[in-house]
Amino acid sequence: MVKVTYNGTVLAEDANPPVVEGNYYFPPNSVKLDVFSPSSTTSVCPWKGTASYYNASVGGQNVNDIAWYYPHPKSSKAEHIKDHVAFYKNKVSISD
């Protein structure tokens, strides 16, 4: 089981999330979406497309751009991670 936590709060947990470029991508149903809010940040990957970002509010702390996802993958190679959430390793704890 791969688990993402922030200050002891579980943000995501899944038995076998896909790994792309060294990052776990968690299916939306394995993510605690109620702590997230949309960010205005975006970035572009040449083959995955435009990433959207999430901010989080956990235990009274706000964390900007803690995670990202691809709502409209650019290529079929990235279709399997559509709407899956990846987390910045320097902002959360990830255990596997």
C-alpha atoms as a PDB file:
ATOM      1  CA  MET A   1       0.000   0.000   0.000  1.00  0.00           C
ATOM      2  CA  VAL A   2       1.388   3.393  -1.016  1.00  0.00           C
ATOM      3  CA  LYS A   3       0.357   6.202   1.325  1.00  0.00           C
ATOM      4  CA  VAL A   4       0.764   9.988   1.122  1.00  0.00           C
ATOM      5  CA  THR A   5       0.588  11.975   4.349  1.00  0.00           C
ATOM      6  CA  TYR A   6       0.986  15.576   5.408  1.00  0.00           C
ATOM      7  CA  ASN A   7       1.697  16.143   9.125  1.00  0.00           C
ATOM      8  CA  GLY A   8       0.161  12.745   9.915  1.00  0.00           C
ATOM      9  CA  THR A   9      -3.011  13.251   7.845  1.00  0.00           C
ATOM     10  CA  VAL A  10      -3.520  10.718   5.063  1.00  0.00           C
ATOM     11  CA  LEU A  11      -4.061  12.486   1.722  1.00  0.00           C
ATOM     12  CA  ALA A  12      -3.997   9.449  -0.588  1.00  0.00           C
ATOM     13  CA  GLU A  13      -3.687   5.691  -0.323  1.00  0.00           C
ATOM     14  CA  ASP A  14      -3.671   3.026  -3.028  1.00  0.00           C
ATOM     15  CA  ALA A  15      -2.358  -0.512  -3.413  1.00  0.00           C
ATOM     16  CA  ASN A  16      -0.821  -0.043  -6.837  1.00  0.00           C
ATOM     17  CA  PRO A  17      -0.824   3.521  -8.221  1.00  0.00           C
ATOM     18  CA  PRO A  18       0.810   3.946 -11.631  1.00  0.00           C
ATOM     19  CA  VAL A  19       4.335   5.356 -11.594  1.00  0.00           C
ATOM     20  CA  VAL A  20       5.324   7.828 -14.311  1.00  0.00           C
ATOM     21  CA  GLU A  21       8.725   9.495 -14.363  1.00  0.00           C
ATOM     22  CA  GLY A  22       9.330   8.464 -10.745  1.00  0.00           C
ATOM     23  CA  ASN A  23       6.042   9.862  -9.418  1.00  0.00           C
ATOM     24  CA  TYR A  24       3.076   7.900  -8.083  1.00  0.00           C
ATOM     25  CA  TYR A  25      -0.228   8.905  -9.701  1.00  0.00           C
ATOM     26  CA  PHE A  26      -3.165   8.167  -7.402  1.00  0.00           C
ATOM     27  CA  PRO A  27      -6.621   7.448  -8.828  1.00  0.00           C
ATOM     28  CA  PRO A  28      -9.151  10.117  -7.789  1.00  0.00           C
ATOM     29  CA  ASN A  29     -11.123   7.631  -5.653  1.00  0.00           C
ATOM     30  CA  SER A  30      -8.008   6.985  -3.511  1.00  0.00           C
ATOM     31  CA  VAL A  31      -7.400  10.688  -2.768  1.00  0.00           C
ATOM     32  CA  LYS A  32      -8.970  12.673   0.080  1.00  0.00           C
ATOM     33  CA  LEU A  33     -10.262  15.335  -2.311  1.00  0.00           C
ATOM     34  CA  ASP A  34     -12.172  17.254   0.374  1.00  0.00           C
ATOM     35  CA  VAL A  35      -8.910  18.837   1.625  1.00  0.00           C
ATOM     36  CA  PHE A  36      -7.967  20.118  -1.836  1.00  0.00           C
ATOM     37  CA  SER A  37      -8.920  23.243  -3.726  1.00  0.00           C
ATOM     38  CA  PRO A  38      -7.991  24.208  -7.284  1.00  0.00           C
ATOM     39  CA  SER A  39      -4.854  26.272  -7.796  1.00  0.00           C
ATOM     40  CA  SER A  40      -4.382  28.765 -10.622  1.00  0.00           C
ATOM     41  CA  THR A  41      -1.001  27.170 -11.375  1.00  0.00           C
ATOM     42  CA  THR A  42      -0.496  25.166 -14.559  1.00  0.00           C
ATOM     43  CA  SER A  43       2.517  23.660 -16.268  1.00  0.00           C
ATOM     44  CA  VAL A  44       3.070  21.886 -19.570  1.00  0.00           C
ATOM     45  CA  CYS A  45       4.717  18.559 -20.259  1.00  0.00           C
ATOM     46  CA  PRO A  46       5.524  17.896 -23.930  1.00  0.00           C
ATOM     47  CA  TRP A  47       3.930  14.443 -23.904  1.00  0.00           C
ATOM     48  CA  LYS A  48       1.470  14.494 -20.969  1.00  0.00           C
ATOM     49  CA  GLY A  49      -0.051  17.896 -21.694  1.00  0.00           C
ATOM     50  CA  THR A  50      -1.130  20.702 -19.365  1.00  0.00           C
ATOM     51  CA  ALA A  51      -1.106  19.914 -15.656  1.00  0.00           C
ATOM     52  CA  SER A  52      -3.521  21.516 -13.228  1.00  0.00           C
ATOM     53  CA  TYR A  53      -2.600  21.908  -9.565  1.00  0.00           C
ATOM     54  CA  TYR A  54      -4.205  21.569  -6.157  1.00  0.00           C
ATOM     55  CA  ASN A  55      -3.696  23.519  -2.960  1.00  0.00           C
ATOM     56  CA  ALA A  56      -4.481  21.750   0.319  1.00  0.00           C
ATOM     57  CA  SER A  57      -5.804  22.776   3.703  1.00  0.00           C
ATOM     58  CA  VAL A  58      -4.737  20.261   6.350  1.00  0.00           C
ATOM     59  CA  GLY A  59      -4.917  20.731  10.087  1.00  0.00           C
ATOM     60  CA  GLY A  60      -5.266  24.498   9.757  1.00  0.00           C
ATOM     61  CA  GLN A  61      -2.259  24.759   7.435  1.00  0.00           C
ATOM     62  CA  ASN A  62      -2.544  25.778   3.792  1.00  0.00           C
ATOM     63  CA  VAL A  63      -0.104  24.272   1.318  1.00  0.00           C
ATOM     64  CA  ASN A  64       0.030  25.766  -2.161  1.00  0.00           C
ATOM     65  CA  ASP A  65       0.548  23.554  -5.208  1.00  0.00           C
ATOM     66  CA  ILE A  66       0.932  20.361  -3.213  1.00  0.00           C
ATOM     67  CA  ALA A  67      -0.201  18.130  -6.072  1.00  0.00           C
ATOM     68  CA  TRP A  68      -0.932  18.063  -9.780  1.00  0.00           C
ATOM     69  CA  TYR A  69      -3.016  16.123 -12.296  1.00  0.00           C
ATOM     70  CA  TYR A  70      -3.716  15.964 -16.025  1.00  0.00           C
ATOM     71  CA  PRO A  71      -7.417  16.548 -16.796  1.00  0.00           C
ATOM     72  CA  HIS A  72      -6.879  16.267 -20.562  1.00  0.00           C
ATOM     73  CA  PRO A  73      -3.784  14.191 -21.380  1.00  0.00           C
ATOM     74  CA  LYS A  74      -2.103  15.196 -24.612  1.00  0.00           C
ATOM     75  CA  SER A  75      -1.191  11.716 -25.805  1.00  0.00           C
ATOM     76  CA  SER A  76      -2.576   8.214 -25.503  1.00  0.00           C
ATOM     77  CA  LYS A  77       0.579   7.293 -23.569  1.00  0.00           C
ATOM     78  CA  ALA A  78      -0.673   9.445 -20.673  1.00  0.00           C
ATOM     79  CA  GLU A  79      -4.359   8.496 -20.862  1.00  0.00           C
ATOM     80  CA  HIS A  80      -3.946   5.990 -17.997  1.00  0.00           C
ATOM     81  CA  ILE A  81      -3.149   8.840 -15.577  1.00  0.00           C
ATOM     82  CA  LYS A  82      -6.047  11.096 -16.586  1.00  0.00           C
ATOM     83  CA  ASP A  83      -7.272  12.879 -13.421  1.00  0.00           C
ATOM     84  CA  HIS A  84      -4.826  10.873 -11.261  1.00  0.00           C
ATOM     85  CA  VAL A  85      -3.121  12.964  -8.574  1.00  0.00           C
ATOM     86  CA  ALA A  86       0.656  13.156  -8.051  1.00  0.00           C
ATOM     87  CA  PHE A  87       2.284  14.854  -5.068  1.00  0.00           C
ATOM     88  CA  TYR A  88       5.434  16.916  -4.596  1.00  0.00           C
ATOM     89  CA  LYS A  89       7.828  14.717  -2.641  1.00  0.00           C
ATOM     90  CA  ASN A  90       9.286  17.753  -0.849  1.00  0.00           C
ATOM     91  CA  LYS A  91       5.847  18.769   0.490  1.00  0.00           C
ATOM     92  CA  VAL A  92       4.463  15.418   1.686  1.00  0.00           C
ATOM     93  CA  SER A  93       5.629  12.065   3.072  1.00  0.00           C
ATOM     94  CA  ILE A  94       5.223   9.059   0.783  1.00  0.00           C
ATOM     95  CA  SER A  95       5.577   5.531   2.098  1.00  0.00           C
ATOM     96  CA  ASP A  96       5.385   2.354   0.075  1.00  0.00           C
END
